[in-house]
């Protein structure tokens, strides 16, 4: 696992991480941003991601050869 605070390149991973953080805010979590631009949970979570305040774990990327082999099988 790789720990990062850079927004992921994958749009899917980005959306999943922002949604997960938005759920934490909805459950009573405190925003890490002082004076958020918007008060909607998803927008606050997205602002936190853009400002690199969220830390998360991503799986280590696979070799391109492994990726190609999986594509050919599937």
PDB file of N, CA and C in Angstrom:
ATOM      1  N   UNK A   1       0.826  -1.180   0.000  1.00  0.00           N
ATOM      2  CA  UNK A   1       0.000   0.000   0.000  1.00  0.00           C
ATOM      3  C   UNK A   1       0.876   1.252   0.000  1.00  0.00           C
ATOM      4  N   UNK A   2       0.429   2.228  -0.728  1.00  0.00           N
ATOM      5  CA  UNK A   2       1.140   3.497  -0.829  1.00  0.00           C
ATOM      6  C   UNK A   2       0.274   4.568  -0.182  1.00  0.00           C
ATOM      7  N   UNK A   3       0.856   5.293   0.782  1.00  0.00           N
ATOM      8  CA  UNK A   3       0.139   6.388   1.436  1.00  0.00           C
ATOM      9  C   UNK A   3       0.410   7.655   0.654  1.00  0.00           C
ATOM     10  N   UNK A   4      -0.649   8.410   0.373  1.00  0.00           N
ATOM     11  CA  UNK A   4      -0.502   9.611  -0.442  1.00  0.00           C
ATOM     12  C   UNK A   4      -1.491  10.674   0.007  1.00  0.00           C
ATOM     13  N   UNK A   5      -1.210  11.902  -0.363  1.00  0.00           N
ATOM     14  CA  UNK A   5      -2.187  12.962  -0.182  1.00  0.00           C
ATOM     15  C   UNK A   5      -2.392  13.712  -1.494  1.00  0.00           C
ATOM     16  N   UNK A   6      -1.763  13.238  -2.572  1.00  0.00           N
ATOM     17  CA  UNK A   6      -1.962  13.787  -3.907  1.00  0.00           C
ATOM     18  C   UNK A   6      -3.277  13.249  -4.469  1.00  0.00           C
ATOM     19  N   UNK A   7      -4.068  14.088  -5.107  1.00  0.00           N
ATOM     20  CA  UNK A   7      -5.288  13.565  -5.735  1.00  0.00           C
ATOM     21  C   UNK A   7      -4.943  12.461  -6.739  1.00  0.00           C
ATOM     22  N   UNK A   8      -5.671  11.350  -6.712  1.00  0.00           N
ATOM     23  CA  UNK A   8      -5.347  10.246  -7.622  1.00  0.00           C
ATOM     24  C   UNK A   8      -5.618  10.609  -9.080  1.00  0.00           C
ATOM     25  N   UNK A   9      -4.895   9.971  -9.993  1.00  0.00           N
ATOM     26  CA  UNK A   9      -5.080  10.206 -11.428  1.00  0.00           C
ATOM     27  C   UNK A   9      -6.406   9.628 -11.910  1.00  0.00           C
ATOM     28  N   UNK A  10      -6.819   8.543 -11.311  1.00  0.00           N
ATOM     29  CA  UNK A  10      -8.056   7.869 -11.702  1.00  0.00           C
ATOM     30  C   UNK A  10      -9.271   8.668 -11.222  1.00  0.00           C
ATOM     31  N   UNK A  11     -10.166   8.979 -12.147  1.00  0.00           N
ATOM     32  CA  UNK A  11     -11.382   9.713 -11.775  1.00  0.00           C
ATOM     33  C   UNK A  11     -12.248   8.885 -10.829  1.00  0.00           C
ATOM     34  N   UNK A  12     -12.273   7.574 -11.061  1.00  0.00           N
ATOM     35  CA  UNK A  12     -13.059   6.690 -10.210  1.00  0.00           C
ATOM     36  C   UNK A  12     -12.543   6.735  -8.774  1.00  0.00           C
ATOM     37  N   UNK A  13     -11.233   6.599  -8.604  1.00  0.00           N
ATOM     38  CA  UNK A  13     -10.635   6.636  -7.264  1.00  0.00           C
ATOM     39  C   UNK A  13     -10.883   7.993  -6.607  1.00  0.00           C
ATOM     40  N   UNK A  14     -10.795   9.055  -7.382  1.00  0.00           N
ATOM     41  CA  UNK A  14     -11.028  10.410  -6.862  1.00  0.00           C
ATOM     42  C   UNK A  14     -12.448  10.529  -6.299  1.00  0.00           C
ATOM     43  N   UNK A  15     -13.418  10.081  -7.077  1.00  0.00           N
ATOM     44  CA  UNK A  15     -14.824  10.158  -6.654  1.00  0.00           C
ATOM     45  C   UNK A  15     -15.072   9.305  -5.415  1.00  0.00           C
ATOM     46  N   UNK A  16     -14.495   8.108  -5.386  1.00  0.00           N
ATOM     47  CA  UNK A  16     -14.679   7.217  -4.240  1.00  0.00           C
ATOM     48  C   UNK A  16     -14.106   7.856  -2.971  1.00  0.00           C
ATOM     49  N   UNK A  17     -12.916   8.427  -3.075  1.00  0.00           N
ATOM     50  CA  UNK A  17     -12.285   9.045  -1.903  1.00  0.00           C
ATOM     51  C   UNK A  17     -13.052  10.275  -1.421  1.00  0.00           C
ATOM     52  N   UNK A  18     -13.499  11.118  -2.340  1.00  0.00           N
ATOM     53  CA  UNK A  18     -14.265  12.310  -1.955  1.00  0.00           C
ATOM     54  C   UNK A  18     -15.598  11.897  -1.333  1.00  0.00           C
ATOM     55  N   UNK A  19     -16.247  10.889  -1.888  1.00  0.00           N
ATOM     56  CA  UNK A  19     -17.520  10.417  -1.335  1.00  0.00           C
ATOM     57  C   UNK A  19     -17.331   9.851   0.069  1.00  0.00           C
ATOM     58  N   UNK A  20     -16.250   9.112   0.260  1.00  0.00           N
ATOM     59  CA  UNK A  20     -15.970   8.541   1.582  1.00  0.00           C
ATOM     60  C   UNK A  20     -15.757   9.653   2.614  1.00  0.00           C
ATOM     61  N   UNK A  21     -15.011  10.690   2.213  1.00  0.00           N
ATOM     62  CA  UNK A  21     -14.776  11.821   3.122  1.00  0.00           C
ATOM     63  C   UNK A  21     -16.076  12.590   3.370  1.00  0.00           C
ATOM     64  N   UNK A  22     -16.907  12.749   2.347  1.00  0.00           N
ATOM     65  CA  UNK A  22     -18.192  13.442   2.509  1.00  0.00           C
ATOM     66  C   UNK A  22     -19.073  12.696   3.512  1.00  0.00           C
ATOM     67  N   UNK A  23     -19.055  11.363   3.473  1.00  0.00           N
ATOM     68  CA  UNK A  23     -19.820  10.576   4.447  1.00  0.00           C
ATOM     69  C   UNK A  23     -19.308  10.810   5.862  1.00  0.00           C
ATOM     70  N   UNK A  24     -17.988  10.937   6.015  1.00  0.00           N
ATOM     71  CA  UNK A  24     -17.435  11.238   7.336  1.00  0.00           C
ATOM     72  C   UNK A  24     -17.926  12.598   7.829  1.00  0.00           C
ATOM     73  N   UNK A  25     -17.972  13.570   6.938  1.00  0.00           N
ATOM     74  CA  UNK A  25     -18.458  14.903   7.315  1.00  0.00           C
ATOM     75  C   UNK A  25     -19.940  14.860   7.677  1.00  0.00           C
ATOM     76  N   UNK A  26     -20.718  14.097   6.927  1.00  0.00           N
ATOM     77  CA  UNK A  26     -22.149  13.966   7.208  1.00  0.00           C
ATOM     78  C   UNK A  26     -22.389  13.313   8.559  1.00  0.00           C
ATOM     79  N   UNK A  27     -21.484  12.433   8.964  1.00  0.00           N
ATOM     80  CA  UNK A  27     -21.625  11.730  10.240  1.00  0.00           C
ATOM     81  C   UNK A  27     -21.126  12.572  11.413  1.00  0.00           C
ATOM     82  N   UNK A  28     -20.694  13.801  11.141  1.00  0.00           N
ATOM     83  CA  UNK A  28     -20.285  14.687  12.218  1.00  0.00           C
ATOM     84  C   UNK A  28     -18.810  15.037  12.225  1.00  0.00           C
ATOM     85  N   UNK A  29     -18.060  14.591  11.238  1.00  0.00           N
ATOM     86  CA  UNK A  29     -16.640  14.936  11.165  1.00  0.00           C
ATOM     87  C   UNK A  29     -16.469  16.434  10.946  1.00  0.00           C
ATOM     88  N   UNK A  30     -15.382  16.953  11.437  1.00  0.00           N
ATOM     89  CA  UNK A  30     -15.117  18.388  11.302  1.00  0.00           C
ATOM     90  C   UNK A  30     -14.318  18.643  10.025  1.00  0.00           C
ATOM     91  N   UNK A  31     -14.670  19.675   9.277  1.00  0.00           N
ATOM     92  CA  UNK A  31     -13.886  20.012   8.082  1.00  0.00           C
ATOM     93  C   UNK A  31     -12.464  20.409   8.449  1.00  0.00           C
ATOM     94  N   UNK A  32     -11.520  20.012   7.618  1.00  0.00           N
ATOM     95  CA  UNK A  32     -10.122  20.374   7.834  1.00  0.00           C
ATOM     96  C   UNK A  32      -9.796  21.730   7.221  1.00  0.00           C
ATOM     97  N   UNK A  33     -10.714  22.242   6.419  1.00  0.00           N
ATOM     98  CA  UNK A  33     -10.515  23.528   5.752  1.00  0.00           C
ATOM     99  C   UNK A  33     -11.134  24.621   6.614  1.00  0.00           C
ATOM    100  N   UNK A  34     -10.380  25.687   6.834  1.00  0.00           N
ATOM    101  CA  UNK A  34     -10.952  26.845   7.519  1.00  0.00           C
ATOM    102  C   UNK A  34     -11.766  27.630   6.506  1.00  0.00           C
ATOM    103  N   UNK A  35     -12.963  28.013   6.861  1.00  0.00           N
ATOM    104  CA  UNK A  35     -13.857  28.779   5.994  1.00  0.00           C
ATOM    105  C   UNK A  35     -14.017  28.147   4.610  1.00  0.00           C
ATOM    106  N   UNK A  36     -14.674  26.972   4.543  1.00  0.00           N
ATOM    107  CA  UNK A  36     -14.874  26.334   3.236  1.00  0.00           C
ATOM    108  C   UNK A  36     -15.674  27.239   2.306  1.00  0.00           C
ATOM    109  N   UNK A  37     -15.388  27.147   1.007  1.00  0.00           N
ATOM    110  CA  UNK A  37     -16.074  27.970   0.008  1.00  0.00           C
ATOM    111  C   UNK A  37     -17.555  27.622  -0.091  1.00  0.00           C
ATOM    112  N   UNK A  38     -17.885  26.373   0.209  1.00  0.00           N
ATOM    113  CA  UNK A  38     -19.256  25.885   0.108  1.00  0.00           C
ATOM    114  C   UNK A  38     -19.527  25.030   1.332  1.00  0.00           C
ATOM    115  N   UNK A  39     -20.762  24.920   1.730  1.00  0.00           N
ATOM    116  CA  UNK A  39     -21.078  24.148   2.931  1.00  0.00           C
ATOM    117  C   UNK A  39     -21.644  22.766   2.626  1.00  0.00           C
ATOM    118  N   UNK A  40     -21.709  22.412   1.335  1.00  0.00           N
ATOM    119  CA  UNK A  40     -22.142  21.063   0.981  1.00  0.00           C
ATOM    120  C   UNK A  40     -21.000  20.103   1.282  1.00  0.00           C
ATOM    121  N   UNK A  41     -21.340  18.951   1.837  1.00  0.00           N
ATOM    122  CA  UNK A  41     -20.331  17.997   2.279  1.00  0.00           C
ATOM    123  C   UNK A  41     -19.407  17.556   1.150  1.00  0.00           C
ATOM    124  N   UNK A  42     -19.974  17.293  -0.014  1.00  0.00           N
ATOM    125  CA  UNK A  42     -19.136  16.829  -1.122  1.00  0.00           C
ATOM    126  C   UNK A  42     -18.181  17.920  -1.589  1.00  0.00           C
ATOM    127  N   UNK A  43     -18.632  19.149  -1.574  1.00  0.00           N
ATOM    128  CA  UNK A  43     -17.759  20.262  -1.997  1.00  0.00           C
ATOM    129  C   UNK A  43     -16.646  20.504  -0.985  1.00  0.00           C
ATOM    130  N   UNK A  44     -16.954  20.371   0.287  1.00  0.00           N
ATOM    131  CA  UNK A  44     -15.934  20.524   1.327  1.00  0.00           C
ATOM    132  C   UNK A  44     -14.895  19.417   1.171  1.00  0.00           C
ATOM    133  N   UNK A  45     -15.358  18.187   0.973  1.00  0.00           N
ATOM    134  CA  UNK A  45     -14.450  17.055   0.794  1.00  0.00           C
ATOM    135  C   UNK A  45     -13.576  17.253  -0.441  1.00  0.00           C
ATOM    136  N   UNK A  46     -14.159  17.760  -1.516  1.00  0.00           N
ATOM    137  CA  UNK A  46     -13.399  18.000  -2.737  1.00  0.00           C
ATOM    138  C   UNK A  46     -12.352  19.105  -2.525  1.00  0.00           C
ATOM    139  N   UNK A  47     -12.720  20.133  -1.794  1.00  0.00           N
ATOM    140  CA  UNK A  47     -11.771  21.209  -1.488  1.00  0.00           C
ATOM    141  C   UNK A  47     -10.603  20.678  -0.646  1.00  0.00           C
ATOM    142  N   UNK A  48     -10.912  19.810   0.313  1.00  0.00           N
ATOM    143  CA  UNK A  48      -9.864  19.194   1.122  1.00  0.00           C
ATOM    144  C   UNK A  48      -8.920  18.364   0.253  1.00  0.00           C
ATOM    145  N   UNK A  49      -9.486  17.636  -0.713  1.00  0.00           N
ATOM    146  CA  UNK A  49      -8.670  16.823  -1.614  1.00  0.00           C
ATOM    147  C   UNK A  49      -7.771  17.712  -2.470  1.00  0.00           C
ATOM    148  N   UNK A  50      -8.326  18.787  -3.010  1.00  0.00           N
ATOM    149  CA  UNK A  50      -7.547  19.683  -3.863  1.00  0.00           C
ATOM    150  C   UNK A  50      -6.419  20.371  -3.097  1.00  0.00           C
ATOM    151  N   UNK A  51      -6.640  20.630  -1.815  1.00  0.00           N
ATOM    152  CA  UNK A  51      -5.622  21.282  -0.982  1.00  0.00           C
ATOM    153  C   UNK A  51      -4.676  20.262  -0.342  1.00  0.00           C
ATOM    154  N   UNK A  52      -4.805  19.003  -0.752  1.00  0.00           N
ATOM    155  CA  UNK A  52      -3.934  17.908  -0.300  1.00  0.00           C
ATOM    156  C   UNK A  52      -3.962  17.725   1.215  1.00  0.00           C
ATOM    157  N   UNK A  53      -5.153  17.850   1.796  1.00  0.00           N
ATOM    158  CA  UNK A  53      -5.308  17.672   3.234  1.00  0.00           C
ATOM    159  C   UNK A  53      -5.707  16.255   3.594  1.00  0.00           C
ATOM    160  N   UNK A  54      -6.211  15.495   2.629  1.00  0.00           N
ATOM    161  CA  UNK A  54      -6.642  14.126   2.886  1.00  0.00           C
ATOM    162  C   UNK A  54      -5.487  13.171   2.648  1.00  0.00           C
ATOM    163  N   UNK A  55      -5.293  12.267   3.568  1.00  0.00           N
ATOM    164  CA  UNK A  55      -4.264  11.235   3.422  1.00  0.00           C
ATOM    165  C   UNK A  55      -4.976   9.902   3.267  1.00  0.00           C
ATOM    166  N   UNK A  56      -4.570   9.123   2.289  1.00  0.00           N
ATOM    167  CA  UNK A  56      -5.240   7.852   2.017  1.00  0.00           C
ATOM    168  C   UNK A  56      -4.235   6.848   1.503  1.00  0.00           C
ATOM    169  N   UNK A  57      -4.633   5.585   1.512  1.00  0.00           N
ATOM    170  CA  UNK A  57      -3.797   4.498   1.018  1.00  0.00           C
ATOM    171  C   UNK A  57      -4.312   4.020  -0.326  1.00  0.00           C
ATOM    172  N   UNK A  58      -3.393   3.833  -1.251  1.00  0.00           N
ATOM    173  CA  UNK A  58      -3.717   3.267  -2.554  1.00  0.00           C
ATOM    174  C   UNK A  58      -2.895   2.006  -2.745  1.00  0.00           C
ATOM    175  N   UNK A  59      -3.433   1.009  -3.433  1.00  0.00           N
ATOM    176  CA  UNK A  59      -2.628  -0.185  -3.707  1.00  0.00           C
ATOM    177  C   UNK A  59      -1.477   0.180  -4.634  1.00  0.00           C
ATOM    178  N   UNK A  60      -0.356  -0.526  -4.489  1.00  0.00           N
ATOM    179  CA  UNK A  60       0.786  -0.280  -5.364  1.00  0.00           C
ATOM    180  C   UNK A  60       0.380  -0.592  -6.795  1.00  0.00           C
ATOM    181  N   UNK A  61       0.828   0.230  -7.723  1.00  0.00           N
ATOM    182  CA  UNK A  61       0.445   0.017  -9.120  1.00  0.00           C
ATOM    183  C   UNK A  61       1.086  -1.255  -9.651  1.00  0.00           C
ATOM    184  N   UNK A  62       0.359  -1.888 -10.545  1.00  0.00           N
ATOM    185  CA  UNK A  62       0.840  -3.132 -11.122  1.00  0.00           C
ATOM    186  C   UNK A  62       1.801  -2.836 -12.269  1.00  0.00           C
ATOM    187  N   UNK A  63       2.652  -3.811 -12.606  1.00  0.00           N
ATOM    188  CA  UNK A  63       3.506  -3.691 -13.785  1.00  0.00           C
ATOM    189  C   UNK A  63       2.621  -3.604 -15.013  1.00  0.00           C
ATOM    190  N   UNK A  64       3.077  -2.895 -16.022  1.00  0.00           N
ATOM    191  CA  UNK A  64       2.298  -2.813 -17.250  1.00  0.00           C
ATOM    192  C   UNK A  64       2.188  -4.175 -17.914  1.00  0.00           C
ATOM    193  N   UNK A  65       3.209  -5.042 -17.756  1.00  0.00           N
ATOM    194  CA  UNK A  65       3.148  -6.384 -18.342  1.00  0.00           C
ATOM    195  C   UNK A  65       2.053  -7.214 -17.681  1.00  0.00           C
ATOM    196  N   UNK A  66       1.906  -7.081 -16.351  1.00  0.00           N
ATOM    197  CA  UNK A  66       0.831  -7.781 -15.638  1.00  0.00           C
ATOM    198  C   UNK A  66      -0.531  -7.264 -16.090  1.00  0.00           C
ATOM    199  N   UNK A  67      -0.614  -5.955 -16.284  1.00  0.00           N
ATOM    200  CA  UNK A  67      -1.862  -5.336 -16.707  1.00  0.00           C
ATOM    201  C   UNK A  67      -2.261  -5.836 -18.096  1.00  0.00           C
ATOM    202  N   UNK A  68      -1.284  -5.884 -19.011  1.00  0.00           N
ATOM    203  CA  UNK A  68      -1.562  -6.355 -20.361  1.00  0.00           C
ATOM    204  C   UNK A  68      -2.008  -7.803 -20.370  1.00  0.00           C
ATOM    205  N   UNK A  69      -1.385  -8.634 -19.546  1.00  0.00           N
ATOM    206  CA  UNK A  69      -1.747 -10.047 -19.469  1.00  0.00           C
ATOM    207  C   UNK A  69      -3.182 -10.211 -18.965  1.00  0.00           C
ATOM    208  N   UNK A  70      -3.580  -9.413 -17.997  1.00  0.00           N
ATOM    209  CA  UNK A  70      -4.943  -9.503 -17.464  1.00  0.00           C
ATOM    210  C   UNK A  70      -5.961  -9.056 -18.511  1.00  0.00           C
ATOM    211  N   UNK A  71      -5.620  -8.033 -19.301  1.00  0.00           N
ATOM    212  CA  UNK A  71      -6.542  -7.564 -20.335  1.00  0.00           C
ATOM    213  C   UNK A  71      -6.774  -8.639 -21.386  1.00  0.00           C
ATOM    214  N   UNK A  72      -5.696  -9.347 -21.752  1.00  0.00           N
ATOM    215  CA  UNK A  72      -5.807 -10.381 -22.779  1.00  0.00           C
ATOM    216  C   UNK A  72      -6.640 -11.562 -22.300  1.00  0.00           C
ATOM    217  N   UNK A  73      -6.554 -11.871 -21.003  1.00  0.00           N
ATOM    218  CA  UNK A  73      -7.325 -12.987 -20.445  1.00  0.00           C
ATOM    219  C   UNK A  73      -8.796 -12.642 -20.330  1.00  0.00           C
ATOM    220  N   UNK A  74      -9.102 -11.394 -19.941  1.00  0.00           N
ATOM    221  CA  UNK A  74     -10.473 -11.004 -19.640  1.00  0.00           C
ATOM    222  C   UNK A  74     -11.162 -10.486 -20.802  1.00  0.00           C
TER     223      UNK A  74
END
